[in-house]
């Protein structure tokens, strides 16, 4: 399955490591450091025009990491994956 992130960017569910809310996770110094290192490494791709709300960490089958900055909320992205629905049925 695929997840649309915005700006014609689509990723596969299998590549997703995590979907994170920018407002709550960037409070942590570790998260800010991770995003700064990812930016310096050139693995961050901005897929939004407006204020970003989430970031998605991915790793493809070749083992390459990529971080996407999106304007869609983390809650909406997680709902699109169906993950929230699958764990709520447990």
PDB file of N, CA and C in Angstrom:
ATOM      1  N   UNK A   1       0.833  -1.170   0.000  1.00  0.00           N
ATOM      2  CA  UNK A   1       0.000   0.000   0.000  1.00  0.00           C
ATOM      3  C   UNK A   1       0.888   1.246   0.000  1.00  0.00           C
ATOM      4  N   UNK A   2       0.254   2.373  -0.348  1.00  0.00           N
ATOM      5  CA  UNK A   2       0.979   3.622  -0.477  1.00  0.00           C
ATOM      6  C   UNK A   2       0.345   4.705   0.389  1.00  0.00           C
ATOM      7  N   UNK A   3       1.171   5.675   0.788  1.00  0.00           N
ATOM      8  CA  UNK A   3       0.724   6.796   1.597  1.00  0.00           C
ATOM      9  C   UNK A   3       1.092   8.093   0.891  1.00  0.00           C
ATOM     10  N   UNK A   4       0.084   8.932   0.634  1.00  0.00           N
ATOM     11  CA  UNK A   4       0.313  10.228  -0.003  1.00  0.00           C
ATOM     12  C   UNK A   4       0.679  11.247   1.068  1.00  0.00           C
ATOM     13  N   UNK A   5       1.833  11.922   0.896  1.00  0.00           N
ATOM     14  CA  UNK A   5       2.312  12.885   1.880  1.00  0.00           C
ATOM     15  C   UNK A   5       2.029  14.331   1.503  1.00  0.00           C
ATOM     16  N   UNK A   6       1.685  14.558   0.250  1.00  0.00           N
ATOM     17  CA  UNK A   6       1.479  15.915  -0.240  1.00  0.00           C
ATOM     18  C   UNK A   6       2.475  16.225  -1.345  1.00  0.00           C
ATOM     19  N   UNK A   7       2.173  17.263  -2.123  1.00  0.00           N
ATOM     20  CA  UNK A   7       3.041  17.696  -3.218  1.00  0.00           C
ATOM     21  C   UNK A   7       3.457  16.543  -4.126  1.00  0.00           C
ATOM     22  N   UNK A   8       2.519  15.697  -4.478  1.00  0.00           N
ATOM     23  CA  UNK A   8       2.764  14.565  -5.380  1.00  0.00           C
ATOM     24  C   UNK A   8       3.786  13.563  -4.854  1.00  0.00           C
ATOM     25  N   UNK A   9       3.993  13.517  -3.543  1.00  0.00           N
ATOM     26  CA  UNK A   9       4.928  12.563  -2.958  1.00  0.00           C
ATOM     27  C   UNK A   9       4.149  11.408  -2.349  1.00  0.00           C
ATOM     28  N   UNK A  10       4.485  10.199  -2.790  1.00  0.00           N
ATOM     29  CA  UNK A  10       3.851   8.981  -2.309  1.00  0.00           C
ATOM     30  C   UNK A  10       4.953   8.020  -1.872  1.00  0.00           C
ATOM     31  N   UNK A  11       4.757   7.381  -0.711  1.00  0.00           N
ATOM     32  CA  UNK A  11       5.720   6.400  -0.213  1.00  0.00           C
ATOM     33  C   UNK A  11       4.988   5.094   0.086  1.00  0.00           C
ATOM     34  N   UNK A  12       5.739   4.011   0.139  1.00  0.00           N
ATOM     35  CA  UNK A  12       5.127   2.721   0.466  1.00  0.00           C
ATOM     36  C   UNK A  12       5.068   2.537   1.988  1.00  0.00           C
ATOM     37  N   UNK A  13       4.050   1.821   2.444  1.00  0.00           N
ATOM     38  CA  UNK A  13       3.916   1.546   3.871  1.00  0.00           C
ATOM     39  C   UNK A  13       5.134   0.805   4.411  1.00  0.00           C
ATOM     40  N   UNK A  14       5.697  -0.080   3.598  1.00  0.00           N
ATOM     41  CA  UNK A  14       6.828  -0.886   4.042  1.00  0.00           C
ATOM     42  C   UNK A  14       8.060  -0.052   4.379  1.00  0.00           C
ATOM     43  N   UNK A  15       8.182   1.139   3.791  1.00  0.00           N
ATOM     44  CA  UNK A  15       9.346   1.992   4.026  1.00  0.00           C
ATOM     45  C   UNK A  15       9.229   2.814   5.307  1.00  0.00           C
ATOM     46  N   UNK A  16       8.035   2.940   5.860  1.00  0.00           N
ATOM     47  CA  UNK A  16       7.804   3.827   6.999  1.00  0.00           C
ATOM     48  C   UNK A  16       8.353   3.222   8.290  1.00  0.00           C
ATOM     49  N   UNK A  17       9.202   3.992   8.956  1.00  0.00           N
ATOM     50  CA  UNK A  17       9.699   3.616  10.282  1.00  0.00           C
ATOM     51  C   UNK A  17       8.834   4.276  11.347  1.00  0.00           C
ATOM     52  N   UNK A  18       8.486   5.560  11.117  1.00  0.00           N
ATOM     53  CA  UNK A  18       7.665   6.260  12.086  1.00  0.00           C
ATOM     54  C   UNK A  18       7.063   7.534  11.533  1.00  0.00           C
ATOM     55  N   UNK A  19       5.931   7.916  12.091  1.00  0.00           N
ATOM     56  CA  UNK A  19       5.247   9.154  11.744  1.00  0.00           C
ATOM     57  C   UNK A  19       5.150   9.956  13.035  1.00  0.00           C
ATOM     58  N   UNK A  20       5.675  11.193  13.005  1.00  0.00           N
ATOM     59  CA  UNK A  20       5.817  11.962  14.229  1.00  0.00           C
ATOM     60  C   UNK A  20       5.209  13.355  14.100  1.00  0.00           C
ATOM     61  N   UNK A  21       4.632  13.840  15.185  1.00  0.00           N
ATOM     62  CA  UNK A  21       4.082  15.190  15.252  1.00  0.00           C
ATOM     63  C   UNK A  21       5.232  16.158  15.552  1.00  0.00           C
ATOM     64  N   UNK A  22       5.388  17.191  14.747  1.00  0.00           N
ATOM     65  CA  UNK A  22       6.487  18.139  14.937  1.00  0.00           C
ATOM     66  C   UNK A  22       6.357  18.928  16.233  1.00  0.00           C
ATOM     67  N   UNK A  23       5.144  19.321  16.599  1.00  0.00           N
ATOM     68  CA  UNK A  23       4.961  20.140  17.796  1.00  0.00           C
ATOM     69  C   UNK A  23       5.352  19.407  19.072  1.00  0.00           C
ATOM     70  N   UNK A  24       4.987  18.163  19.185  1.00  0.00           N
ATOM     71  CA  UNK A  24       5.246  17.438  20.435  1.00  0.00           C
ATOM     72  C   UNK A  24       6.628  16.796  20.476  1.00  0.00           C
ATOM     73  N   UNK A  25       7.144  16.364  19.350  1.00  0.00           N
ATOM     74  CA  UNK A  25       8.427  15.656  19.374  1.00  0.00           C
ATOM     75  C   UNK A  25       9.632  16.581  19.363  1.00  0.00           C
ATOM     76  N   UNK A  26       9.500  17.776  18.816  1.00  0.00           N
ATOM     77  CA  UNK A  26      10.661  18.669  18.759  1.00  0.00           C
ATOM     78  C   UNK A  26      10.929  19.367  20.091  1.00  0.00           C
ATOM     79  N   UNK A  27      10.131  19.059  21.103  1.00  0.00           N
ATOM     80  CA  UNK A  27      10.422  19.531  22.452  1.00  0.00           C
ATOM     81  C   UNK A  27      11.695  18.848  22.952  1.00  0.00           C
ATOM     82  N   UNK A  28      11.892  17.604  22.532  1.00  0.00           N
ATOM     83  CA  UNK A  28      13.053  16.823  22.948  1.00  0.00           C
ATOM     84  C   UNK A  28      14.310  17.278  22.208  1.00  0.00           C
ATOM     85  N   UNK A  29      15.370  17.432  22.959  1.00  0.00           N
ATOM     86  CA  UNK A  29      16.661  17.809  22.364  1.00  0.00           C
ATOM     87  C   UNK A  29      17.159  16.726  21.410  1.00  0.00           C
ATOM     88  N   UNK A  30      16.900  15.468  21.745  1.00  0.00           N
ATOM     89  CA  UNK A  30      17.337  14.356  20.891  1.00  0.00           C
ATOM     90  C   UNK A  30      16.677  14.412  19.516  1.00  0.00           C
ATOM     91  N   UNK A  31      15.390  14.735  19.488  1.00  0.00           N
ATOM     92  CA  UNK A  31      14.685  14.833  18.214  1.00  0.00           C
ATOM     93  C   UNK A  31      15.217  15.999  17.393  1.00  0.00           C
ATOM     94  N   UNK A  32      15.427  17.134  18.035  1.00  0.00           N
ATOM     95  CA  UNK A  32      15.993  18.288  17.322  1.00  0.00           C
ATOM     96  C   UNK A  32      17.371  17.958  16.757  1.00  0.00           C
ATOM     97  N   UNK A  33      18.196  17.261  17.536  1.00  0.00           N
ATOM     98  CA  UNK A  33      19.524  16.856  17.059  1.00  0.00           C
ATOM     99  C   UNK A  33      19.421  15.899  15.874  1.00  0.00           C
ATOM    100  N   UNK A  34      18.487  14.943  15.962  1.00  0.00           N
ATOM    101  CA  UNK A  34      18.299  13.988  14.862  1.00  0.00           C
ATOM    102  C   UNK A  34      17.912  14.714  13.574  1.00  0.00           C
ATOM    103  N   UNK A  35      16.956  15.629  13.680  1.00  0.00           N
ATOM    104  CA  UNK A  35      16.503  16.357  12.488  1.00  0.00           C
ATOM    105  C   UNK A  35      17.611  17.254  11.929  1.00  0.00           C
ATOM    106  N   UNK A  36      18.408  17.854  12.803  1.00  0.00           N
ATOM    107  CA  UNK A  36      19.532  18.689  12.347  1.00  0.00           C
ATOM    108  C   UNK A  36      20.577  17.845  11.618  1.00  0.00           C
ATOM    109  N   UNK A  37      20.886  16.665  12.163  1.00  0.00           N
ATOM    110  CA  UNK A  37      21.853  15.766  11.507  1.00  0.00           C
ATOM    111  C   UNK A  37      21.308  15.257  10.172  1.00  0.00           C
ATOM    112  N   UNK A  38      20.026  14.948  10.133  1.00  0.00           N
ATOM    113  CA  UNK A  38      19.409  14.481   8.891  1.00  0.00           C
ATOM    114  C   UNK A  38      19.460  15.573   7.828  1.00  0.00           C
ATOM    115  N   UNK A  39      19.221  16.811   8.243  1.00  0.00           N
ATOM    116  CA  UNK A  39      19.286  17.944   7.312  1.00  0.00           C
ATOM    117  C   UNK A  39      20.704  18.109   6.762  1.00  0.00           C
ATOM    118  N   UNK A  40      21.700  18.023   7.628  1.00  0.00           N
ATOM    119  CA  UNK A  40      23.102  18.139   7.195  1.00  0.00           C
ATOM    120  C   UNK A  40      23.492  16.996   6.261  1.00  0.00           C
ATOM    121  N   UNK A  41      22.929  15.813   6.504  1.00  0.00           N
ATOM    122  CA  UNK A  41      23.235  14.648   5.667  1.00  0.00           C
ATOM    123  C   UNK A  41      22.507  14.703   4.328  1.00  0.00           C
ATOM    124  N   UNK A  42      21.567  15.638   4.185  1.00  0.00           N
ATOM    125  CA  UNK A  42      20.843  15.786   2.925  1.00  0.00           C
ATOM    126  C   UNK A  42      19.743  14.762   2.706  1.00  0.00           C
ATOM    127  N   UNK A  43      19.221  14.200   3.793  1.00  0.00           N
ATOM    128  CA  UNK A  43      18.181  13.175   3.640  1.00  0.00           C
ATOM    129  C   UNK A  43      16.793  13.700   3.987  1.00  0.00           C
ATOM    130  N   UNK A  44      16.663  15.011   4.184  1.00  0.00           N
ATOM    131  CA  UNK A  44      15.365  15.609   4.499  1.00  0.00           C
ATOM    132  C   UNK A  44      14.759  16.172   3.222  1.00  0.00           C
ATOM    133  N   UNK A  45      13.472  15.835   3.012  1.00  0.00           N
ATOM    134  CA  UNK A  45      12.737  16.368   1.863  1.00  0.00           C
ATOM    135  C   UNK A  45      11.472  17.042   2.367  1.00  0.00           C
ATOM    136  N   UNK A  46      11.333  18.313   2.038  1.00  0.00           N
ATOM    137  CA  UNK A  46      10.156  19.079   2.436  1.00  0.00           C
ATOM    138  C   UNK A  46       9.067  18.865   1.396  1.00  0.00           C
ATOM    139  N   UNK A  47       7.928  18.325   1.815  1.00  0.00           N
ATOM    140  CA  UNK A  47       6.813  18.077   0.899  1.00  0.00           C
ATOM    141  C   UNK A  47       5.590  18.885   1.318  1.00  0.00           C
ATOM    142  N   UNK A  48       5.831  20.164   1.651  1.00  0.00           N
ATOM    143  CA  UNK A  48       4.715  21.024   2.030  1.00  0.00           C
ATOM    144  C   UNK A  48       4.982  22.461   1.626  1.00  0.00           C
ATOM    145  N   UNK A  49       3.888  23.180   1.414  1.00  0.00           N
ATOM    146  CA  UNK A  49       3.958  24.599   1.101  1.00  0.00           C
ATOM    147  C   UNK A  49       3.762  25.441   2.353  1.00  0.00           C
ATOM    148  N   UNK A  50       2.928  24.974   3.253  1.00  0.00           N
ATOM    149  CA  UNK A  50       2.558  25.723   4.444  1.00  0.00           C
ATOM    150  C   UNK A  50       3.369  25.263   5.653  1.00  0.00           C
ATOM    151  N   UNK A  51       2.876  25.635   6.805  1.00  0.00           N
ATOM    152  CA  UNK A  51       3.503  25.277   8.072  1.00  0.00           C
ATOM    153  C   UNK A  51       3.542  23.754   8.234  1.00  0.00           C
ATOM    154  N   UNK A  52       4.722  23.179   8.453  1.00  0.00           N
ATOM    155  CA  UNK A  52       4.797  21.717   8.614  1.00  0.00           C
ATOM    156  C   UNK A  52       4.196  21.269   9.935  1.00  0.00           C
ATOM    157  N   UNK A  53       3.561  20.096   9.888  1.00  0.00           N
ATOM    158  CA  UNK A  53       2.921  19.552  11.083  1.00  0.00           C
ATOM    159  C   UNK A  53       3.504  18.216  11.507  1.00  0.00           C
ATOM    160  N   UNK A  54       4.164  17.518  10.589  1.00  0.00           N
ATOM    161  CA  UNK A  54       4.675  16.189  10.932  1.00  0.00           C
ATOM    162  C   UNK A  54       5.947  15.885  10.154  1.00  0.00           C
ATOM    163  N   UNK A  55       6.645  14.858  10.625  1.00  0.00           N
ATOM    164  CA  UNK A  55       7.748  14.322   9.842  1.00  0.00           C
ATOM    165  C   UNK A  55       7.664  12.810   9.839  1.00  0.00           C
ATOM    166  N   UNK A  56       8.092  12.238   8.725  1.00  0.00           N
ATOM    167  CA  UNK A  56       7.990  10.802   8.512  1.00  0.00           C
ATOM    168  C   UNK A  56       9.393  10.263   8.255  1.00  0.00           C
ATOM    169  N   UNK A  57       9.798   9.295   9.041  1.00  0.00           N
ATOM    170  CA  UNK A  57      11.119   8.678   8.876  1.00  0.00           C
ATOM    171  C   UNK A  57      10.926   7.387   8.099  1.00  0.00           C
ATOM    172  N   UNK A  58      11.700   7.237   7.026  1.00  0.00           N
ATOM    173  CA  UNK A  58      11.575   6.068   6.150  1.00  0.00           C
ATOM    174  C   UNK A  58      12.942   5.439   5.903  1.00  0.00           C
ATOM    175  N   UNK A  59      12.902   4.161   5.578  1.00  0.00           N
ATOM    176  CA  UNK A  59      14.099   3.435   5.142  1.00  0.00           C
ATOM    177  C   UNK A  59      13.664   2.528   4.007  1.00  0.00           C
ATOM    178  N   UNK A  60      14.304   2.708   2.840  1.00  0.00           N
ATOM    179  CA  UNK A  60      13.929   1.897   1.680  1.00  0.00           C
ATOM    180  C   UNK A  60      14.617   0.534   1.721  1.00  0.00           C
ATOM    181  N   UNK A  61      14.330  -0.283   0.747  1.00  0.00           N
ATOM    182  CA  UNK A  61      14.856  -1.653   0.721  1.00  0.00           C
ATOM    183  C   UNK A  61      16.379  -1.711   0.594  1.00  0.00           C
ATOM    184  N   UNK A  62      16.986  -0.642   0.088  1.00  0.00           N
ATOM    185  CA  UNK A  62      18.441  -0.570  -0.022  1.00  0.00           C
ATOM    186  C   UNK A  62      19.090  -0.096   1.278  1.00  0.00           C
ATOM    187  N   UNK A  63      18.279   0.221   2.287  1.00  0.00           N
ATOM    188  CA  UNK A  63      18.794   0.659   3.577  1.00  0.00           C
ATOM    189  C   UNK A  63      19.059   2.153   3.667  1.00  0.00           C
ATOM    190  N   UNK A  64      18.595   2.916   2.690  1.00  0.00           N
ATOM    191  CA  UNK A  64      18.798   4.364   2.697  1.00  0.00           C
ATOM    192  C   UNK A  64      17.677   5.043   3.479  1.00  0.00           C
ATOM    193  N   UNK A  65      18.065   5.939   4.374  1.00  0.00           N
ATOM    194  CA  UNK A  65      17.084   6.661   5.185  1.00  0.00           C
ATOM    195  C   UNK A  65      16.645   7.930   4.478  1.00  0.00           C
ATOM    196  N   UNK A  66      15.419   8.347   4.780  1.00  0.00           N
ATOM    197  CA  UNK A  66      14.854   9.580   4.235  1.00  0.00           C
ATOM    198  C   UNK A  66      13.876  10.129   5.261  1.00  0.00           C
ATOM    199  N   UNK A  67      13.877  11.445   5.442  1.00  0.00           N
ATOM    200  CA  UNK A  67      12.948  12.103   6.346  1.00  0.00           C
ATOM    201  C   UNK A  67      12.117  13.078   5.519  1.00  0.00           C
ATOM    202  N   UNK A  68      10.801  12.943   5.602  1.00  0.00           N
ATOM    203  CA  UNK A  68       9.889  13.819   4.877  1.00  0.00           C
ATOM    204  C   UNK A  68       9.213  14.754   5.873  1.00  0.00           C
ATOM    205  N   UNK A  69       9.185  16.042   5.535  1.00  0.00           N
ATOM    206  CA  UNK A  69       8.491  17.039   6.339  1.00  0.00           C
ATOM    207  C   UNK A  69       7.171  17.334   5.623  1.00  0.00           C
ATOM    208  N   UNK A  70       6.043  17.139   6.318  1.00  0.00           N
ATOM    209  CA  UNK A  70       4.728  17.244   5.673  1.00  0.00           C
ATOM    210  C   UNK A  70       3.817  18.215   6.420  1.00  0.00           C
ATOM    211  N   UNK A  71       2.878  18.789   5.699  1.00  0.00           N
ATOM    212  CA  UNK A  71       1.905  19.687   6.317  1.00  0.00           C
ATOM    213  C   UNK A  71       0.669  18.952   6.807  1.00  0.00           C
ATOM    214  N   UNK A  72       0.583  17.664   6.530  1.00  0.00           N
ATOM    215  CA  UNK A  72      -0.535  16.839   6.997  1.00  0.00           C
ATOM    216  C   UNK A  72      -0.208  16.365   8.412  1.00  0.00           C
ATOM    217  N   UNK A  73      -1.179  16.407   9.298  1.00  0.00           N
ATOM    218  CA  UNK A  73      -0.926  16.032  10.687  1.00  0.00           C
ATOM    219  C   UNK A  73      -0.564  14.551  10.804  1.00  0.00           C
ATOM    220  N   UNK A  74       0.172  14.248  11.842  1.00  0.00           N
ATOM    221  CA  UNK A  74       0.581  12.863  12.078  1.00  0.00           C
ATOM    222  C   UNK A  74      -0.628  11.961  12.306  1.00  0.00           C
ATOM    223  N   UNK A  75      -1.656  12.488  12.952  1.00  0.00           N
ATOM    224  CA  UNK A  75      -2.873  11.710  13.199  1.00  0.00           C
ATOM    225  C   UNK A  75      -3.550  11.329  11.890  1.00  0.00           C
ATOM    226  N   UNK A  76      -3.663  12.279  10.976  1.00  0.00           N
ATOM    227  CA  UNK A  76      -4.276  12.002   9.680  1.00  0.00           C
ATOM    228  C   UNK A  76      -3.460  10.993   8.895  1.00  0.00           C
ATOM    229  N   UNK A  77      -2.148  11.139   8.906  1.00  0.00           N
ATOM    230  CA  UNK A  77      -1.285  10.192   8.186  1.00  0.00           C
ATOM    231  C   UNK A  77      -1.419   8.788   8.767  1.00  0.00           C
ATOM    232  N   UNK A  78      -1.450   8.688  10.085  1.00  0.00           N
ATOM    233  CA  UNK A  78      -1.593   7.383  10.719  1.00  0.00           C
ATOM    234  C   UNK A  78      -2.944   6.757  10.393  1.00  0.00           C
ATOM    235  N   UNK A  79      -3.989   7.559  10.343  1.00  0.00           N
ATOM    236  CA  UNK A  79      -5.306   7.039   9.964  1.00  0.00           C
ATOM    237  C   UNK A  79      -5.286   6.522   8.529  1.00  0.00           C
ATOM    238  N   UNK A  80      -4.566   7.213   7.654  1.00  0.00           N
ATOM    239  CA  UNK A  80      -4.477   6.781   6.261  1.00  0.00           C
ATOM    240  C   UNK A  80      -3.764   5.440   6.123  1.00  0.00           C
ATOM    241  N   UNK A  81      -2.875   5.126   7.024  1.00  0.00           N
ATOM    242  CA  UNK A  81      -2.180   3.843   6.960  1.00  0.00           C
ATOM    243  C   UNK A  81      -3.055   2.701   7.462  1.00  0.00           C
ATOM    244  N   UNK A  82      -4.087   3.020   8.247  1.00  0.00           N
ATOM    245  CA  UNK A  82      -4.942   1.991   8.803  1.00  0.00           C
ATOM    246  C   UNK A  82      -4.376   1.376  10.061  1.00  0.00           C
ATOM    247  N   UNK A  83      -3.203   1.827  10.496  1.00  0.00           N
ATOM    248  CA  UNK A  83      -2.564   1.273  11.683  1.00  0.00           C
ATOM    249  C   UNK A  83      -3.398   1.521  12.931  1.00  0.00           C
ATOM    250  N   UNK A  84      -3.913   2.725  13.084  1.00  0.00           N
ATOM    251  CA  UNK A  84      -4.706   3.060  14.267  1.00  0.00           C
ATOM    252  C   UNK A  84      -5.940   2.176  14.331  1.00  0.00           C
ATOM    253  N   UNK A  85      -6.586   1.953  13.179  1.00  0.00           N
ATOM    254  CA  UNK A  85      -7.768   1.100  13.161  1.00  0.00           C
ATOM    255  C   UNK A  85      -7.441  -0.336  13.531  1.00  0.00           C
ATOM    256  N   UNK A  86      -6.292  -0.819  13.076  1.00  0.00           N
ATOM    257  CA  UNK A  86      -5.939  -2.220  13.340  1.00  0.00           C
ATOM    258  C   UNK A  86      -5.640  -2.461  14.811  1.00  0.00           C
ATOM    259  N   UNK A  87      -5.026  -1.489  15.497  1.00  0.00           N
ATOM    260  CA  UNK A  87      -4.735  -1.710  16.916  1.00  0.00           C
ATOM    261  C   UNK A  87      -5.950  -1.423  17.792  1.00  0.00           C
ATOM    262  N   UNK A  88      -6.899  -0.629  17.294  1.00  0.00           N
ATOM    263  CA  UNK A  88      -8.089  -0.361  18.103  1.00  0.00           C
ATOM    264  C   UNK A  88      -9.027  -1.568  18.142  1.00  0.00           C
ATOM    265  N   UNK A  89      -8.847  -2.516  17.228  1.00  0.00           N
ATOM    266  CA  UNK A  89      -9.662  -3.730  17.198  1.00  0.00           C
ATOM    267  C   UNK A  89      -9.139  -4.835  18.097  1.00  0.00           C
ATOM    268  N   UNK A  90      -8.021  -4.594  18.785  1.00  0.00           N
ATOM    269  CA  UNK A  90      -7.444  -5.636  19.638  1.00  0.00           C
ATOM    270  C   UNK A  90      -8.183  -5.770  20.932  1.00  0.00           C
TER     271      UNK A  90
END
